[in-house]
Amino acid sequence: GLSFGMYWLSAGVNDPQSPHTEDEIYEVVAGRGAIEMAGDRHAIEPGSVISIPRHVEHKFVDVTEDLALVVVFGPPEGDLR
């Protein structure tokens, strides 16, 4: 099974995320910024798709335009806690 939702970050905010117990996929619907994942930084924009394995440190940074992201967790968020 999977779970999904929306994740929003306003321009200039610090992303408070910590690693999750599930694999994640994000699709950027709107906005611009970057993602830091396991020490690497990648620019993101509408249409970007990001896959993050469980337990990997990640956060959105340098958010220059409000971000709207679809997030999918597999298995459903909270199932592996």
PDB file of N, CA and C in Angstrom:
ATOM      1  N   GLY A   1       0.803  -1.176   0.000  1.00  0.00           N
ATOM      2  CA  GLY A   1       0.000   0.000   0.000  1.00  0.00           C
ATOM      3  C   GLY A   1       0.854   1.252   0.000  1.00  0.00           C
ATOM      4  N   LEU A   2       0.218   2.342  -0.306  1.00  0.00           N
ATOM      5  CA  LEU A   2       0.847   3.655  -0.357  1.00  0.00           C
ATOM      6  C   LEU A   2      -0.023   4.664   0.374  1.00  0.00           C
ATOM      7  N   SER A   3       0.559   5.772   0.765  1.00  0.00           N
ATOM      8  CA  SER A   3      -0.221   6.918   1.206  1.00  0.00           C
ATOM      9  C   SER A   3       0.339   8.130   0.474  1.00  0.00           C
ATOM     10  N   PHE A   4      -0.482   9.154   0.331  1.00  0.00           N
ATOM     11  CA  PHE A   4      -0.002  10.343  -0.349  1.00  0.00           C
ATOM     12  C   PHE A   4      -0.645  11.574   0.248  1.00  0.00           C
ATOM     13  N   GLY A   5      -0.048  12.705  -0.074  1.00  0.00           N
ATOM     14  CA  GLY A   5      -0.571  13.969   0.414  1.00  0.00           C
ATOM     15  C   GLY A   5       0.122  15.113  -0.286  1.00  0.00           C
ATOM     16  N   MET A   6      -0.129  16.315   0.215  1.00  0.00           N
ATOM     17  CA  MET A   6       0.520  17.523  -0.300  1.00  0.00           C
ATOM     18  C   MET A   6       1.449  18.056   0.778  1.00  0.00           C
ATOM     19  N   TYR A   7       2.550  18.631   0.350  1.00  0.00           N
ATOM     20  CA  TYR A   7       3.504  19.264   1.262  1.00  0.00           C
ATOM     21  C   TYR A   7       3.774  20.652   0.715  1.00  0.00           C
ATOM     22  N   TRP A   8       3.595  21.665   1.547  1.00  0.00           N
ATOM     23  CA  TRP A   8       3.780  23.053   1.140  1.00  0.00           C
ATOM     24  C   TRP A   8       4.878  23.684   1.974  1.00  0.00           C
ATOM     25  N   LEU A   9       5.707  24.488   1.319  1.00  0.00           N
ATOM     26  CA  LEU A   9       6.713  25.285   2.009  1.00  0.00           C
ATOM     27  C   LEU A   9       6.704  26.679   1.408  1.00  0.00           C
ATOM     28  N   SER A  10       6.637  27.683   2.256  1.00  0.00           N
ATOM     29  CA  SER A  10       6.686  29.062   1.784  1.00  0.00           C
ATOM     30  C   SER A  10       8.126  29.456   1.479  1.00  0.00           C
ATOM     31  N   ALA A  11       8.292  30.371   0.541  1.00  0.00           N
ATOM     32  CA  ALA A  11       9.621  30.875   0.200  1.00  0.00           C
ATOM     33  C   ALA A  11      10.324  31.368   1.460  1.00  0.00           C
ATOM     34  N   GLY A  12      11.588  30.996   1.598  1.00  0.00           N
ATOM     35  CA  GLY A  12      12.402  31.472   2.702  1.00  0.00           C
ATOM     36  C   GLY A  12      12.315  30.684   3.996  1.00  0.00           C
ATOM     37  N   VAL A  13      11.393  29.722   4.114  1.00  0.00           N
ATOM     38  CA  VAL A  13      11.279  28.977   5.378  1.00  0.00           C
ATOM     39  C   VAL A  13      12.305  27.849   5.449  1.00  0.00           C
ATOM     40  N   ASN A  14      12.581  27.397   6.671  1.00  0.00           N
ATOM     41  CA  ASN A  14      13.437  26.238   6.889  1.00  0.00           C
ATOM     42  C   ASN A  14      12.569  24.996   6.973  1.00  0.00           C
ATOM     43  N   ASP A  15      12.893  23.997   6.185  1.00  0.00           N
ATOM     44  CA  ASP A  15      12.149  22.733   6.166  1.00  0.00           C
ATOM     45  C   ASP A  15      12.473  21.945   7.434  1.00  0.00           C
ATOM     46  N   PRO A  16      11.460  21.604   8.259  1.00  0.00           N
ATOM     47  CA  PRO A  16      11.713  20.931   9.531  1.00  0.00           C
ATOM     48  C   PRO A  16      11.799  19.408   9.447  1.00  0.00           C
ATOM     49  N   GLN A  17      11.861  18.843   8.260  1.00  0.00           N
ATOM     50  CA  GLN A  17      11.802  17.382   8.125  1.00  0.00           C
ATOM     51  C   GLN A  17      12.967  16.661   8.783  1.00  0.00           C
ATOM     52  N   SER A  18      12.677  15.437   9.158  1.00  0.00           N
ATOM     53  CA  SER A  18      13.702  14.493   9.578  1.00  0.00           C
ATOM     54  C   SER A  18      13.433  13.208   8.791  1.00  0.00           C
ATOM     55  N   PRO A  19      14.387  12.270   8.773  1.00  0.00           N
ATOM     56  CA  PRO A  19      14.193  11.053   7.974  1.00  0.00           C
ATOM     57  C   PRO A  19      12.912  10.307   8.357  1.00  0.00           C
ATOM     58  N   HIS A  20      12.316   9.669   7.370  1.00  0.00           N
ATOM     59  CA  HIS A  20      11.104   8.888   7.566  1.00  0.00           C
ATOM     60  C   HIS A  20      11.420   7.394   7.527  1.00  0.00           C
ATOM     61  N   THR A  21      10.509   6.598   8.040  1.00  0.00           N
ATOM     62  CA  THR A  21      10.683   5.143   8.033  1.00  0.00           C
ATOM     63  C   THR A  21      10.163   4.517   6.752  1.00  0.00           C
ATOM     64  N   GLU A  22       9.641   5.337   5.834  1.00  0.00           N
ATOM     65  CA  GLU A  22       9.104   4.851   4.563  1.00  0.00           C
ATOM     66  C   GLU A  22       9.899   5.461   3.408  1.00  0.00           C
ATOM     67  N   ASP A  23       9.896   4.793   2.261  1.00  0.00           N
ATOM     68  CA  ASP A  23      10.419   5.399   1.045  1.00  0.00           C
ATOM     69  C   ASP A  23       9.462   6.522   0.651  1.00  0.00           C
ATOM     70  N   GLU A  24       9.997   7.561  -0.010  1.00  0.00           N
ATOM     71  CA  GLU A  24       9.172   8.704  -0.406  1.00  0.00           C
ATOM     72  C   GLU A  24       9.446   9.074  -1.860  1.00  0.00           C
ATOM     73  N   ILE A  25       8.423   9.571  -2.503  1.00  0.00           N
ATOM     74  CA  ILE A  25       8.558  10.185  -3.825  1.00  0.00           C
ATOM     75  C   ILE A  25       7.839  11.519  -3.762  1.00  0.00           C
ATOM     76  N   TYR A  26       8.523  12.576  -4.209  1.00  0.00           N
ATOM     77  CA  TYR A  26       7.932  13.903  -4.305  1.00  0.00           C
ATOM     78  C   TYR A  26       7.849  14.298  -5.774  1.00  0.00           C
ATOM     79  N   GLU A  27       6.760  14.974  -6.145  1.00  0.00           N
ATOM     80  CA  GLU A  27       6.692  15.651  -7.436  1.00  0.00           C
ATOM     81  C   GLU A  27       6.422  17.119  -7.157  1.00  0.00           C
ATOM     82  N   VAL A  28       7.247  17.985  -7.739  1.00  0.00           N
ATOM     83  CA  VAL A  28       7.082  19.420  -7.555  1.00  0.00           C
ATOM     84  C   VAL A  28       5.976  19.901  -8.482  1.00  0.00           C
ATOM     85  N   VAL A  29       4.905  20.423  -7.890  1.00  0.00           N
ATOM     86  CA  VAL A  29       3.768  20.944  -8.651  1.00  0.00           C
ATOM     87  C   VAL A  29       3.993  22.421  -8.975  1.00  0.00           C
ATOM     88  N   ALA A  30       4.537  23.161  -8.011  1.00  0.00           N
ATOM     89  CA  ALA A  30       4.790  24.594  -8.198  1.00  0.00           C
ATOM     90  C   ALA A  30       5.952  25.001  -7.316  1.00  0.00           C
ATOM     91  N   GLY A  31       6.649  26.060  -7.718  1.00  0.00           N
ATOM     92  CA  GLY A  31       7.711  26.629  -6.916  1.00  0.00           C
ATOM     93  C   GLY A  31       9.099  26.216  -7.363  1.00  0.00           C
ATOM     94  N   ARG A  32      10.083  26.817  -6.702  1.00  0.00           N
ATOM     95  CA  ARG A  32      11.486  26.544  -7.018  1.00  0.00           C
ATOM     96  C   ARG A  32      12.307  26.550  -5.731  1.00  0.00           C
ATOM     97  N   GLY A  33      13.359  25.778  -5.759  1.00  0.00           N
ATOM     98  CA  GLY A  33      14.271  25.698  -4.631  1.00  0.00           C
ATOM     99  C   GLY A  33      15.290  24.614  -4.895  1.00  0.00           C
ATOM    100  N   ALA A  34      15.677  23.925  -3.834  1.00  0.00           N
ATOM    101  CA  ALA A  34      16.628  22.825  -3.941  1.00  0.00           C
ATOM    102  C   ALA A  34      16.289  21.800  -2.870  1.00  0.00           C
ATOM    103  N   ILE A  35      16.796  20.597  -3.063  1.00  0.00           N
ATOM    104  CA  ILE A  35      16.685  19.574  -2.027  1.00  0.00           C
ATOM    105  C   ILE A  35      18.087  19.118  -1.670  1.00  0.00           C
ATOM    106  N   GLU A  36      18.331  19.004  -0.367  1.00  0.00           N
ATOM    107  CA  GLU A  36      19.555  18.398   0.129  1.00  0.00           C
ATOM    108  C   GLU A  36      19.202  16.987   0.567  1.00  0.00           C
ATOM    109  N   MET A  37      19.964  16.030   0.045  1.00  0.00           N
ATOM    110  CA  MET A  37      19.686  14.634   0.360  1.00  0.00           C
ATOM    111  C   MET A  37      21.017  13.904   0.469  1.00  0.00           C
ATOM    112  N   ALA A  38      21.271  13.353   1.641  1.00  0.00           N
ATOM    113  CA  ALA A  38      22.494  12.587   1.883  1.00  0.00           C
ATOM    114  C   ALA A  38      23.740  13.370   1.478  1.00  0.00           C
ATOM    115  N   GLY A  39      23.738  14.693   1.777  1.00  0.00           N
ATOM    116  CA  GLY A  39      24.903  15.515   1.508  1.00  0.00           C
ATOM    117  C   GLY A  39      24.979  16.120   0.117  1.00  0.00           C
ATOM    118  N   ASP A  40      24.073  15.762  -0.785  1.00  0.00           N
ATOM    119  CA  ASP A  40      24.043  16.327  -2.133  1.00  0.00           C
ATOM    120  C   ASP A  40      22.913  17.345  -2.233  1.00  0.00           C
ATOM    121  N   ARG A  41      23.093  18.339  -3.091  1.00  0.00           N
ATOM    122  CA  ARG A  41      22.078  19.378  -3.303  1.00  0.00           C
ATOM    123  C   ARG A  41      21.694  19.382  -4.781  1.00  0.00           C
ATOM    124  N   HIS A  42      20.364  19.422  -5.033  1.00  0.00           N
ATOM    125  CA  HIS A  42      19.850  19.426  -6.401  1.00  0.00           C
ATOM    126  C   HIS A  42      18.770  20.489  -6.528  1.00  0.00           C
ATOM    127  N   ALA A  43      18.839  21.285  -7.598  1.00  0.00           N
ATOM    128  CA  ALA A  43      17.798  22.279  -7.883  1.00  0.00           C
ATOM    129  C   ALA A  43      16.506  21.555  -8.233  1.00  0.00           C
ATOM    130  N   ILE A  44      15.371  22.138  -7.823  1.00  0.00           N
ATOM    131  CA  ILE A  44      14.055  21.575  -8.158  1.00  0.00           C
ATOM    132  C   ILE A  44      13.169  22.677  -8.711  1.00  0.00           C
ATOM    133  N   GLU A  45      12.242  22.263  -9.562  1.00  0.00           N
ATOM    134  CA  GLU A  45      11.292  23.168 -10.215  1.00  0.00           C
ATOM    135  C   GLU A  45      10.066  22.348 -10.584  1.00  0.00           C
ATOM    136  N   PRO A  46       8.996  22.993 -11.056  1.00  0.00           N
ATOM    137  CA  PRO A  46       7.811  22.229 -11.430  1.00  0.00           C
ATOM    138  C   PRO A  46       8.164  21.096 -12.402  1.00  0.00           C
ATOM    139  N   GLY A  47       7.642  19.911 -12.089  1.00  0.00           N
ATOM    140  CA  GLY A  47       7.919  18.720 -12.883  1.00  0.00           C
ATOM    141  C   GLY A  47       9.034  17.863 -12.328  1.00  0.00           C
ATOM    142  N   SER A  48       9.844  18.389 -11.414  1.00  0.00           N
ATOM    143  CA  SER A  48      10.906  17.582 -10.798  1.00  0.00           C
ATOM    144  C   SER A  48      10.282  16.457  -9.984  1.00  0.00           C
ATOM    145  N   VAL A  49      10.902  15.284 -10.061  1.00  0.00           N
ATOM    146  CA  VAL A  49      10.479  14.126  -9.271  1.00  0.00           C
ATOM    147  C   VAL A  49      11.687  13.679  -8.460  1.00  0.00           C
ATOM    148  N   ILE A  50      11.475  13.488  -7.158  1.00  0.00           N
ATOM    149  CA  ILE A  50      12.559  13.149  -6.239  1.00  0.00           C
ATOM    150  C   ILE A  50      12.195  11.857  -5.523  1.00  0.00           C
ATOM    151  N   SER A  51      13.098  10.886  -5.540  1.00  0.00           N
ATOM    152  CA  SER A  51      12.905   9.624  -4.832  1.00  0.00           C
ATOM    153  C   SER A  51      13.874   9.585  -3.656  1.00  0.00           C
ATOM    154  N   ILE A  52      13.335   9.334  -2.468  1.00  0.00           N
ATOM    155  CA  ILE A  52      14.148   9.333  -1.253  1.00  0.00           C
ATOM    156  C   ILE A  52      13.953   8.003  -0.520  1.00  0.00           C
ATOM    157  N   PRO A  53      15.019   7.218  -0.385  1.00  0.00           N
ATOM    158  CA  PRO A  53      14.907   5.968   0.369  1.00  0.00           C
ATOM    159  C   PRO A  53      14.659   6.232   1.854  1.00  0.00           C
ATOM    160  N   ARG A  54      14.014   5.304   2.514  1.00  0.00           N
ATOM    161  CA  ARG A  54      13.749   5.432   3.953  1.00  0.00           C
ATOM    162  C   ARG A  54      15.036   5.669   4.726  1.00  0.00           C
ATOM    163  N   HIS A  55      14.925   6.428   5.801  1.00  0.00           N
ATOM    164  CA  HIS A  55      16.012   6.743   6.739  1.00  0.00           C
ATOM    165  C   HIS A  55      17.090   7.676   6.184  1.00  0.00           C
ATOM    166  N   VAL A  56      16.925   8.223   4.978  1.00  0.00           N
ATOM    167  CA  VAL A  56      17.923   9.125   4.399  1.00  0.00           C
ATOM    168  C   VAL A  56      17.609  10.569   4.807  1.00  0.00           C
ATOM    169  N   GLU A  57      18.623  11.271   5.331  1.00  0.00           N
ATOM    170  CA  GLU A  57      18.471  12.680   5.691  1.00  0.00           C
ATOM    171  C   GLU A  57      18.112  13.479   4.440  1.00  0.00           C
ATOM    172  N   HIS A  58      17.114  14.360   4.562  1.00  0.00           N
ATOM    173  CA  HIS A  58      16.726  15.210   3.436  1.00  0.00           C
ATOM    174  C   HIS A  58      15.958  16.419   3.944  1.00  0.00           C
ATOM    175  N   LYS A  59      16.046  17.500   3.174  1.00  0.00           N
ATOM    176  CA  LYS A  59      15.250  18.689   3.467  1.00  0.00           C
ATOM    177  C   LYS A  59      15.270  19.594   2.240  1.00  0.00           C
ATOM    178  N   PHE A  60      14.219  20.396   2.117  1.00  0.00           N
ATOM    179  CA  PHE A  60      14.152  21.376   1.049  1.00  0.00           C
ATOM    180  C   PHE A  60      14.825  22.649   1.535  1.00  0.00           C
ATOM    181  N   VAL A  61      15.658  23.245   0.683  1.00  0.00           N
ATOM    182  CA  VAL A  61      16.449  24.425   1.032  1.00  0.00           C
ATOM    183  C   VAL A  61      16.359  25.450  -0.097  1.00  0.00           C
ATOM    184  N   ASP A  62      16.821  26.648   0.188  1.00  0.00           N
ATOM    185  CA  ASP A  62      16.867  27.714  -0.823  1.00  0.00           C
ATOM    186  C   ASP A  62      15.541  27.849  -1.564  1.00  0.00           C
ATOM    187  N   VAL A  63      14.442  27.815  -0.822  1.00  0.00           N
ATOM    188  CA  VAL A  63      13.111  27.922  -1.429  1.00  0.00           C
ATOM    189  C   VAL A  63      12.900  29.378  -1.843  1.00  0.00           C
ATOM    190  N   THR A  64      12.958  29.622  -3.155  1.00  0.00           N
ATOM    191  CA  THR A  64      12.843  30.986  -3.679  1.00  0.00           C
ATOM    192  C   THR A  64      11.425  31.318  -4.128  1.00  0.00           C
ATOM    193  N   GLU A  65      10.616  30.294  -4.404  1.00  0.00           N
ATOM    194  CA  GLU A  65       9.198  30.451  -4.736  1.00  0.00           C
ATOM    195  C   GLU A  65       8.433  29.406  -3.934  1.00  0.00           C
ATOM    196  N   ASP A  66       7.278  29.776  -3.380  1.00  0.00           N
ATOM    197  CA  ASP A  66       6.484  28.840  -2.578  1.00  0.00           C
ATOM    198  C   ASP A  66       6.419  27.479  -3.268  1.00  0.00           C
ATOM    199  N   LEU A  67       6.712  26.417  -2.504  1.00  0.00           N
ATOM    200  CA  LEU A  67       6.699  25.060  -3.046  1.00  0.00           C
ATOM    201  C   LEU A  67       5.377  24.364  -2.734  1.00  0.00           C
ATOM    202  N   ALA A  68       4.857  23.677  -3.727  1.00  0.00           N
ATOM    203  CA  ALA A  68       3.732  22.760  -3.563  1.00  0.00           C
ATOM    204  C   ALA A  68       4.202  21.428  -4.133  1.00  0.00           C
ATOM    205  N   LEU A  69       4.179  20.395  -3.306  1.00  0.00           N
ATOM    206  CA  LEU A  69       4.681  19.090  -3.709  1.00  0.00           C
ATOM    207  C   LEU A  69       3.657  18.004  -3.391  1.00  0.00           C
ATOM    208  N   VAL A  70       3.525  17.050  -4.289  1.00  0.00           N
ATOM    209  CA  VAL A  70       2.786  15.828  -3.991  1.00  0.00           C
ATOM    210  C   VAL A  70       3.804  14.869  -3.394  1.00  0.00           C
ATOM    211  N   VAL A  71       3.458  14.220  -2.277  1.00  0.00           N
ATOM    212  CA  VAL A  71       4.362  13.256  -1.655  1.00  0.00           C
ATOM    213  C   VAL A  71       3.644  11.911  -1.542  1.00  0.00           C
ATOM    214  N   VAL A  72       4.382  10.849  -1.898  1.00  0.00           N
ATOM    215  CA  VAL A  72       3.868   9.480  -1.822  1.00  0.00           C
ATOM    216  C   VAL A  72       4.792   8.694  -0.891  1.00  0.00           C
ATOM    217  N   PHE A  73       4.208   7.999   0.077  1.00  0.00           N
ATOM    218  CA  PHE A  73       4.975   7.157   1.003  1.00  0.00           C
ATOM    219  C   PHE A  73       4.660   5.700   0.706  1.00  0.00           C
ATOM    220  N   GLY A  74       5.696   4.860   0.720  1.00  0.00           N
ATOM    221  CA  GLY A  74       5.493   3.435   0.544  1.00  0.00           C
ATOM    222  C   GLY A  74       6.377   2.667   1.510  1.00  0.00           C
ATOM    223  N   PRO A  75       5.795   1.820   2.333  1.00  0.00           N
ATOM    224  CA  PRO A  75       4.364   1.608   2.581  1.00  0.00           C
ATOM    225  C   PRO A  75       3.726   2.863   3.184  1.00  0.00           C
ATOM    226  N   PRO A  76       2.443   2.816   3.481  1.00  0.00           N
ATOM    227  CA  PRO A  76       1.762   4.003   4.003  1.00  0.00           C
ATOM    228  C   PRO A  76       2.508   4.609   5.192  1.00  0.00           C
ATOM    229  N   GLU A  77       2.498   5.933   5.252  1.00  0.00           N
ATOM    230  CA  GLU A  77       3.193   6.667   6.316  1.00  0.00           C
ATOM    231  C   GLU A  77       2.761   6.151   7.693  1.00  0.00           C
ATOM    232  N   GLY A  78       3.755   5.821   8.517  1.00  0.00           N
ATOM    233  CA  GLY A  78       3.510   5.352   9.872  1.00  0.00           C
ATOM    234  C   GLY A  78       3.421   3.851  10.025  1.00  0.00           C
ATOM    235  N   ASP A  79       3.349   3.090   8.934  1.00  0.00           N
ATOM    236  CA  ASP A  79       3.210   1.634   9.026  1.00  0.00           C
ATOM    237  C   ASP A  79       4.442   0.931   9.590  1.00  0.00           C
ATOM    238  N   LEU A  80       5.621   1.529   9.440  1.00  0.00           N
ATOM    239  CA  LEU A  80       6.862   0.840   9.863  1.00  0.00           C
ATOM    240  C   LEU A  80       7.379   1.321  11.209  1.00  0.00           C
ATOM    241  N   ARG A  81       6.648   2.163  11.901  1.00  0.00           N
ATOM    242  CA  ARG A  81       7.112   2.673  13.196  1.00  0.00           C
ATOM    243  C   ARG A  81       6.941   1.640  14.279  1.00  0.00           C
TER     244      ARG A  81
END
